[in-house]
Amino acid sequence: MEEFVVSDLCESKDIESVALLDGDGFVKAIKPNQEKYNHLMSQLGNSLNNSNEFESTTLITDKHIILVQKLVKNYTLIAFCLAKCNLGIIRHQISVATDRLNAYLKTSSS
């Protein structure tokens, strides 16, 4: 299920990479599955997952907009978007993915 949601998000032309991290910061699903993204996503998850002060965070750089969404069971969804993306559409897609993943994670035993 996780892979399907991550793949669906990556179909957007403005999203470069998406990852789902577990509560320990390990990558559970990622698209595209490239070493540079695995390492970067894991670092981001570990840095941002230690705080209970946010549900979602947006980081803006010169080349990317990075959306970080906290999920149930301390999972984290991270999306790397192009800097010139339609952020409204992306946020909606992240919201739908969050609902799907939270419903799945609440019923799963992992």
C-alpha atoms as a PDB file:
ATOM      1  CA  MET A   1       0.000   0.000   0.000  1.00  0.00           C
ATOM      2  CA  GLU A   2       2.768   2.433   0.933  1.00  0.00           C
ATOM      3  CA  GLU A   3       4.443   1.957  -2.436  1.00  0.00           C
ATOM      4  CA  PHE A   4       1.197   2.683  -4.304  1.00  0.00           C
ATOM      5  CA  VAL A   5       0.615   5.965  -2.483  1.00  0.00           C
ATOM      6  CA  VAL A   6       4.222   7.075  -2.991  1.00  0.00           C
ATOM      7  CA  SER A   7       4.039   6.107  -6.694  1.00  0.00           C
ATOM      8  CA  ASP A   8       0.780   8.015  -7.118  1.00  0.00           C
ATOM      9  CA  LEU A   9       2.372  11.168  -5.725  1.00  0.00           C
ATOM     10  CA  CYS A  10       5.402  10.807  -7.999  1.00  0.00           C
ATOM     11  CA  GLU A  11       3.153  10.830 -11.054  1.00  0.00           C
ATOM     12  CA  SER A  12       2.752  14.581 -10.575  1.00  0.00           C
ATOM     13  CA  LYS A  13       5.016  16.474 -12.954  1.00  0.00           C
ATOM     14  CA  ASP A  14       6.037  18.880 -10.177  1.00  0.00           C
ATOM     15  CA  ILE A  15       7.090  16.254  -7.630  1.00  0.00           C
ATOM     16  CA  GLU A  16      10.659  15.051  -8.042  1.00  0.00           C
ATOM     17  CA  SER A  17      10.808  12.508  -5.204  1.00  0.00           C
ATOM     18  CA  VAL A  18       8.616  11.140  -2.400  1.00  0.00           C
ATOM     19  CA  ALA A  19       9.507   9.005   0.602  1.00  0.00           C
ATOM     20  CA  LEU A  20       7.678   7.396   3.477  1.00  0.00           C
ATOM     21  CA  LEU A  21       9.776   6.973   6.616  1.00  0.00           C
ATOM     22  CA  ASP A  22       8.955   4.896   9.664  1.00  0.00           C
ATOM     23  CA  GLY A  23       9.238   6.156  13.235  1.00  0.00           C
ATOM     24  CA  ASP A  24      12.950   5.331  13.322  1.00  0.00           C
ATOM     25  CA  GLY A  25      13.692   7.323  10.165  1.00  0.00           C
ATOM     26  CA  PHE A  26      14.134   4.290   7.926  1.00  0.00           C
ATOM     27  CA  VAL A  27      12.812   4.540   4.384  1.00  0.00           C
ATOM     28  CA  LYS A  28       9.742   2.295   3.947  1.00  0.00           C
ATOM     29  CA  ALA A  29       8.901   3.425   0.403  1.00  0.00           C
ATOM     30  CA  ILE A  30      10.600   5.856  -1.972  1.00  0.00           C
ATOM     31  CA  LYS A  31      10.297   6.972  -5.594  1.00  0.00           C
ATOM     32  CA  PRO A  32      12.591   7.200  -7.439  1.00  0.00           C
ATOM     33  CA  ASN A  33      14.684   4.704  -5.540  1.00  0.00           C
ATOM     34  CA  GLN A  34      18.081   6.369  -5.835  1.00  0.00           C
ATOM     35  CA  GLU A  35      20.806   6.370  -3.198  1.00  0.00           C
ATOM     36  CA  LYS A  36      21.020  10.175  -3.047  1.00  0.00           C
ATOM     37  CA  TYR A  37      17.314  10.403  -2.175  1.00  0.00           C
ATOM     38  CA  ASN A  38      17.442   7.543   0.351  1.00  0.00           C
ATOM     39  CA  HIS A  39      20.181   9.226   2.356  1.00  0.00           C
ATOM     40  CA  LEU A  40      18.718  12.733   2.124  1.00  0.00           C
ATOM     41  CA  MET A  41      15.180  11.670   3.036  1.00  0.00           C
ATOM     42  CA  SER A  42      16.413   9.671   6.009  1.00  0.00           C
ATOM     43  CA  GLN A  43      18.438  12.633   7.285  1.00  0.00           C
ATOM     44  CA  LEU A  44      15.463  14.963   6.923  1.00  0.00           C
ATOM     45  CA  GLY A  45      13.163  12.538   8.678  1.00  0.00           C
ATOM     46  CA  ASN A  46      15.530  12.094  11.595  1.00  0.00           C
ATOM     47  CA  SER A  47      16.033  15.833  11.984  1.00  0.00           C
ATOM     48  CA  LEU A  48      12.374  16.797  11.779  1.00  0.00           C
ATOM     49  CA  ASN A  49      10.755  13.760  13.370  1.00  0.00           C
ATOM     50  CA  ASN A  50      12.224  14.530  16.793  1.00  0.00           C
ATOM     51  CA  SER A  51       9.827  17.430  17.245  1.00  0.00           C
ATOM     52  CA  ASN A  52       6.212  17.050  18.285  1.00  0.00           C
ATOM     53  CA  GLU A  53       5.589  20.701  17.479  1.00  0.00           C
ATOM     54  CA  PHE A  54       4.574  20.243  13.854  1.00  0.00           C
ATOM     55  CA  GLU A  55       2.123  18.274  11.803  1.00  0.00           C
ATOM     56  CA  SER A  56       3.430  19.577   8.514  1.00  0.00           C
ATOM     57  CA  THR A  57       6.427  21.653   7.542  1.00  0.00           C
ATOM     58  CA  THR A  58       7.455  23.344   4.305  1.00  0.00           C
ATOM     59  CA  LEU A  59      11.112  24.014   3.554  1.00  0.00           C
ATOM     60  CA  ILE A  60      11.908  26.328   0.650  1.00  0.00           C
ATOM     61  CA  THR A  61      15.267  26.323  -1.112  1.00  0.00           C
ATOM     62  CA  ASP A  62      16.485  27.776  -4.404  1.00  0.00           C
ATOM     63  CA  LYS A  63      15.773  24.569  -6.321  1.00  0.00           C
ATOM     64  CA  HIS A  64      13.126  22.739  -4.279  1.00  0.00           C
ATOM     65  CA  ILE A  65      10.150  23.029  -2.034  1.00  0.00           C
ATOM     66  CA  ILE A  66      10.233  20.217   0.504  1.00  0.00           C
ATOM     67  CA  LEU A  67       6.979  19.219   2.160  1.00  0.00           C
ATOM     68  CA  VAL A  68       7.198  17.154   5.344  1.00  0.00           C
ATOM     69  CA  GLN A  69       4.000  15.634   6.725  1.00  0.00           C
ATOM     70  CA  LYS A  70       3.793  13.771  10.033  1.00  0.00           C
ATOM     71  CA  LEU A  71       1.580  10.682   9.989  1.00  0.00           C
ATOM     72  CA  VAL A  72       0.185   8.325  12.625  1.00  0.00           C
ATOM     73  CA  LYS A  73       2.542   5.856  14.349  1.00  0.00           C
ATOM     74  CA  ASN A  74       5.287   8.479  14.020  1.00  0.00           C
ATOM     75  CA  TYR A  75       5.669   7.896  10.266  1.00  0.00           C
ATOM     76  CA  THR A  76       6.703  10.792   8.025  1.00  0.00           C
ATOM     77  CA  LEU A  77       5.890  11.575   4.392  1.00  0.00           C
ATOM     78  CA  ILE A  78       8.414  13.765   2.549  1.00  0.00           C
ATOM     79  CA  ALA A  79       7.978  15.221  -0.935  1.00  0.00           C
ATOM     80  CA  PHE A  80      10.641  17.069  -2.947  1.00  0.00           C
ATOM     81  CA  CYS A  81       8.901  19.434  -5.374  1.00  0.00           C
ATOM     82  CA  LEU A  82      10.244  21.712  -8.040  1.00  0.00           C
ATOM     83  CA  ALA A  83      10.629  25.311  -6.828  1.00  0.00           C
ATOM     84  CA  LYS A  84       8.192  26.572  -9.448  1.00  0.00           C
ATOM     85  CA  CYS A  85       5.456  24.027  -8.691  1.00  0.00           C
ATOM     86  CA  ASN A  86       1.766  24.683  -8.113  1.00  0.00           C
ATOM     87  CA  LEU A  87       1.915  24.395  -4.352  1.00  0.00           C
ATOM     88  CA  GLY A  88      -1.873  24.359  -3.934  1.00  0.00           C
ATOM     89  CA  ILE A  89      -2.246  21.244  -6.076  1.00  0.00           C
ATOM     90  CA  ILE A  90       0.719  19.579  -4.396  1.00  0.00           C
ATOM     91  CA  ARG A  91      -0.651  20.288  -0.913  1.00  0.00           C
ATOM     92  CA  HIS A  92      -3.986  18.782  -1.946  1.00  0.00           C
ATOM     93  CA  GLN A  93      -2.249  15.660  -3.263  1.00  0.00           C
ATOM     94  CA  ILE A  94      -0.241  15.376  -0.023  1.00  0.00           C
ATOM     95  CA  SER A  95      -3.449  15.747   1.993  1.00  0.00           C
ATOM     96  CA  VAL A  96      -5.138  12.924   0.070  1.00  0.00           C
ATOM     97  CA  ALA A  97      -2.033  10.738   0.434  1.00  0.00           C
ATOM     98  CA  THR A  98      -1.889  11.522   4.166  1.00  0.00           C
ATOM     99  CA  ASP A  99      -5.504  10.419   4.634  1.00  0.00           C
ATOM    100  CA  ARG A 100      -4.862   7.180   2.718  1.00  0.00           C
ATOM    101  CA  LEU A 101      -1.656   6.382   4.586  1.00  0.00           C
ATOM    102  CA  ASN A 102      -3.071   7.219   8.019  1.00  0.00           C
ATOM    103  CA  ALA A 103      -6.072   4.952   7.408  1.00  0.00           C
ATOM    104  CA  TYR A 104      -3.753   2.140   6.321  1.00  0.00           C
ATOM    105  CA  LEU A 105      -1.245   2.631   9.163  1.00  0.00           C
ATOM    106  CA  LYS A 106      -3.982   2.660  11.820  1.00  0.00           C
ATOM    107  CA  THR A 107      -5.103  -0.800  10.718  1.00  0.00           C
ATOM    108  CA  SER A 108      -1.666  -2.307  10.082  1.00  0.00           C
ATOM    109  CA  SER A 109       0.335  -4.143  12.717  1.00  0.00           C
ATOM    110  CA  SER A 110       3.714  -2.647  11.755  1.00  0.00           C
END
